[in-house]
Amino acid sequence: MNLPPLVQSFVLHFGEMGSRWGINRTVGQIYALLYVSPAPICAEEIADALAISRSNVSMSLRELQAWNLVLLKHKPDDRRDFFTTPDDVWLILRTLAEERKKREVDPTLSVLREILMQRPASEAERHAQARMSEMHTLIEQLTHWYEDVKQLETERLATLLSLGAKVTKLLEAKDRVISLGRSRRPNPANKS
């Protein structure tokens, strides 16, 4: 790679992480390079910087475009396509979450719904359906939560994430207030 050491470290790491996330190592490296590049770059520049074939770059860029993670740019008097990533890291996060939901969560929910609509033929299938129903319920709850969270403005989402475990303390305080309210109500069964 013909990159500054700092950039090379990031690109190589992102390639490694990409393979753990289920994407091709080269796709991860290209995305990292585009992310840290100060200006949009063309496929030839990507191939040169990463010492990979032009065809590998083209296939990887198509995959990144399918994920809506890269932006196509054009320069005056240059017929080549140039690529970059969105500037807003929150937009990237939202795009990744939406694409993963479409590709992984939605098909799983569809299969679970279909299976849960079938009549079980044995005790083993009844047990399996009961377990799948629990999974379906959990995934649907997460999906509803995701739909609510993705509507939040970026500033509110950042605040929510920064709260971390403080949310637990807030929920505990809410429970204490509700419990206090219940203990102060007169119990109609105690009237004589």
Protein backbone atom coordinates (compact mmCIF):
# COMPACT_ATOMS: atom_id res chain seq x y z
CA MET A 1 0.00 0.00 0.00
CA ASN A 2 1.20 3.44 -0.89
CA LEU A 3 -0.45 5.29 1.99
CA PRO A 4 0.76 7.31 4.97
CA PRO A 5 1.30 4.98 7.96
CA LEU A 6 -1.63 6.36 9.95
CA VAL A 7 -4.04 5.93 7.03
CA GLN A 8 -2.60 2.52 6.19
CA SER A 9 -3.20 1.31 9.77
CA PHE A 10 -6.82 2.44 9.63
CA VAL A 11 -7.43 0.93 6.18
CA LEU A 12 -5.88 -2.41 7.13
CA HIS A 13 -7.84 -2.58 10.37
CA PHE A 14 -11.09 -1.72 8.63
CA GLY A 15 -10.42 -4.50 6.13
CA GLU A 16 -9.94 -6.96 9.00
CA MET A 17 -13.09 -5.75 10.73
CA GLY A 18 -15.02 -5.86 7.46
CA SER A 19 -14.32 -9.55 7.12
CA ARG A 20 -15.68 -10.06 10.66
CA TRP A 21 -18.80 -8.06 9.77
CA GLY A 22 -19.49 -10.30 6.82
CA ILE A 23 -18.14 -8.12 4.02
CA ASN A 24 -15.16 -8.67 1.79
CA ARG A 25 -11.86 -7.40 3.22
CA THR A 26 -11.27 -5.28 0.12
CA VAL A 27 -14.70 -3.65 0.47
CA GLY A 28 -13.80 -2.67 4.02
CA GLN A 29 -10.43 -1.29 2.96
CA ILE A 30 -11.93 0.74 0.13
CA TYR A 31 -14.58 2.16 2.42
CA ALA A 32 -11.95 3.15 4.99
CA LEU A 33 -9.85 4.81 2.30
CA LEU A 34 -12.83 6.75 0.96
CA TYR A 35 -13.84 7.76 4.49
CA VAL A 36 -10.49 9.33 5.35
CA SER A 37 -9.76 10.83 1.92
CA PRO A 38 -10.03 14.62 1.92
CA ALA A 39 -11.57 14.61 -1.57
CA PRO A 40 -13.48 12.14 -3.74
CA ILE A 41 -11.22 9.64 -5.50
CA CYS A 42 -11.61 7.57 -8.65
CA ALA A 43 -11.30 3.82 -9.07
CA GLU A 44 -7.81 4.07 -10.56
CA GLU A 45 -6.57 6.03 -7.55
CA ILE A 46 -8.15 3.47 -5.21
CA ALA A 47 -6.49 0.60 -7.08
CA ASP A 48 -3.11 2.34 -6.95
CA ALA A 49 -3.40 3.31 -3.28
CA LEU A 50 -4.40 -0.18 -2.15
CA ALA A 51 -2.37 -2.14 -4.72
CA ILE A 52 -5.40 -4.10 -5.88
CA SER A 53 -6.83 -4.81 -9.31
CA ARG A 54 -9.15 -2.36 -11.04
CA SER A 55 -11.80 -5.11 -11.43
CA ASN A 56 -11.70 -5.80 -7.68
CA VAL A 57 -12.16 -2.09 -7.04
CA SER A 58 -15.14 -1.96 -9.43
CA MET A 59 -16.86 -4.93 -7.80
CA SER A 60 -16.23 -3.53 -4.32
CA LEU A 61 -17.54 -0.09 -5.27
CA ARG A 62 -20.70 -1.69 -6.69
CA GLU A 63 -21.21 -3.49 -3.39
CA LEU A 64 -20.72 -0.26 -1.43
CA GLN A 65 -23.17 1.49 -3.75
CA ALA A 66 -25.70 -1.31 -3.19
CA TRP A 67 -25.37 -0.61 0.54
CA ASN A 68 -25.84 3.14 -0.10
CA LEU A 69 -22.55 3.81 1.69
CA VAL A 70 -20.70 5.72 -1.04
CA LEU A 71 -21.55 8.80 -3.00
CA LEU A 72 -20.79 9.19 -6.69
CA LYS A 73 -19.24 12.54 -7.63
CA HIS A 74 -18.15 14.08 -10.90
CA LYS A 75 -15.53 16.69 -11.63
CA PRO A 76 -15.74 19.22 -14.44
CA ASP A 77 -13.88 18.13 -17.58
CA ASP A 78 -13.27 14.65 -16.16
CA ARG A 79 -15.36 11.72 -17.39
CA ARG A 80 -14.29 9.40 -14.58
CA ASP A 81 -16.50 8.57 -11.63
CA PHE A 82 -15.23 9.74 -8.25
CA PHE A 83 -16.35 8.30 -4.94
CA THR A 84 -16.61 9.51 -1.39
CA THR A 85 -18.58 8.78 1.76
CA PRO A 86 -21.13 10.99 3.47
CA ASP A 87 -19.49 13.57 5.73
CA ASP A 88 -21.95 12.91 8.56
CA VAL A 89 -20.90 9.84 10.54
CA TRP A 90 -24.45 9.64 11.95
CA LEU A 91 -25.84 9.35 8.43
CA ILE A 92 -23.41 6.51 7.80
CA LEU A 93 -24.56 4.78 11.00
CA ARG A 94 -28.23 5.23 10.07
CA THR A 95 -27.61 3.91 6.55
CA LEU A 96 -25.74 0.87 7.86
CA ALA A 97 -28.48 0.11 10.39
CA GLU A 98 -31.22 0.44 7.77
CA GLU A 99 -29.42 -1.71 5.23
CA ARG A 100 -28.64 -4.44 7.78
CA LYS A 101 -32.27 -4.39 8.90
CA LYS A 102 -33.47 -4.80 5.30
CA ARG A 103 -30.99 -7.59 4.55
CA GLU A 104 -30.98 -9.52 7.83
CA VAL A 105 -33.80 -8.65 10.20
CA ASP A 106 -36.74 -8.27 7.80
CA PRO A 107 -36.18 -11.65 6.05
CA THR A 108 -35.83 -13.38 9.43
CA LEU A 109 -39.11 -11.87 10.62
CA SER A 110 -40.81 -13.01 7.42
CA VAL A 111 -39.60 -16.59 7.83
CA LEU A 112 -40.60 -16.63 11.50
CA ARG A 113 -44.09 -15.32 10.65
CA GLU A 114 -44.54 -18.03 8.02
CA ILE A 115 -43.39 -20.78 10.36
CA LEU A 116 -45.54 -19.52 13.22
CA MET A 117 -48.64 -19.60 11.01
CA GLN A 118 -48.19 -23.33 10.37
CA ARG A 119 -49.96 -25.91 12.48
CA PRO A 120 -47.43 -27.97 14.47
CA ALA A 121 -47.57 -31.71 13.72
CA SER A 122 -45.77 -32.92 16.86
CA GLU A 123 -44.77 -31.95 20.37
CA ALA A 124 -41.27 -31.16 19.10
CA GLU A 125 -42.72 -28.71 16.55
CA ARG A 126 -44.96 -27.13 19.25
CA HIS A 127 -41.89 -26.62 21.43
CA ALA A 128 -39.90 -25.23 18.50
CA GLN A 129 -42.74 -22.87 17.57
CA ALA A 130 -42.99 -21.61 21.14
CA ARG A 131 -39.27 -20.82 21.12
CA MET A 132 -39.52 -19.19 17.68
CA SER A 133 -42.46 -17.13 18.93
CA GLU A 134 -40.27 -15.75 21.73
CA MET A 135 -37.59 -14.88 19.18
CA HIS A 136 -40.18 -13.28 16.87
CA THR A 137 -41.53 -11.16 19.73
CA LEU A 138 -38.05 -9.99 20.71
CA ILE A 139 -37.07 -9.12 17.14
CA GLU A 140 -40.34 -7.25 16.62
CA GLN A 141 -39.78 -5.27 19.83
CA LEU A 142 -36.28 -4.38 18.67
CA THR A 143 -37.65 -3.43 15.26
CA HIS A 144 -40.28 -1.13 16.81
CA TRP A 145 -37.60 0.40 19.04
CA TYR A 146 -35.36 0.90 16.02
CA GLU A 147 -38.20 2.58 14.09
CA ASP A 148 -38.69 5.00 17.01
CA VAL A 149 -34.97 5.69 17.44
CA LYS A 150 -34.32 6.28 13.75
CA GLN A 151 -36.85 9.14 13.85
CA LEU A 152 -34.80 10.98 16.47
CA GLU A 153 -32.81 14.01 15.44
CA THR A 154 -29.09 13.33 15.47
CA GLU A 155 -28.53 15.56 18.51
CA ARG A 156 -31.15 13.66 20.52
CA LEU A 157 -29.76 10.31 19.39
CA ALA A 158 -26.27 11.36 20.48
CA THR A 159 -27.68 12.42 23.85
CA LEU A 160 -29.49 9.10 24.23
CA LEU A 161 -26.30 7.18 23.48
CA SER A 162 -24.27 9.31 25.88
CA LEU A 163 -26.69 8.49 28.70
CA GLY A 164 -25.59 4.85 28.72
CA ALA A 165 -26.33 3.22 32.10
CA LYS A 166 -27.89 6.45 33.36
CA VAL A 167 -31.05 5.32 31.55
CA THR A 168 -31.26 2.44 34.04
CA LYS A 169 -31.16 4.92 36.94
CA LEU A 170 -33.92 6.93 35.28
CA LEU A 171 -36.07 3.81 34.93
CA GLU A 172 -35.40 2.87 38.57
CA ALA A 173 -36.46 6.37 39.67
CA LYS A 174 -39.63 6.04 37.58
CA ASP A 175 -40.39 2.70 39.26
CA ARG A 176 -39.92 4.26 42.73
CA VAL A 177 -42.27 7.14 41.89
CA ILE A 178 -44.92 4.74 40.58
CA SER A 179 -44.48 2.51 43.64
CA LEU A 180 -44.82 5.52 45.93
CA GLY A 181 -48.01 6.57 44.15
CA ARG A 182 -49.52 3.10 44.58
CA SER A 183 -48.65 2.89 48.28
CA ARG A 184 -50.38 6.23 49.00
CA ARG A 185 -53.66 5.27 47.37
CA PRO A 186 -56.34 4.10 49.75
CA ASN A 187 -57.17 0.43 49.34
CA PRO A 188 -60.96 0.04 48.86
CA ALA A 189 -60.79 -3.50 50.29
CA ASN A 190 -59.66 -2.13 53.68
CA LYS A 191 -62.86 -0.07 54.17
CA SER A 192 -65.15 -1.55 56.80
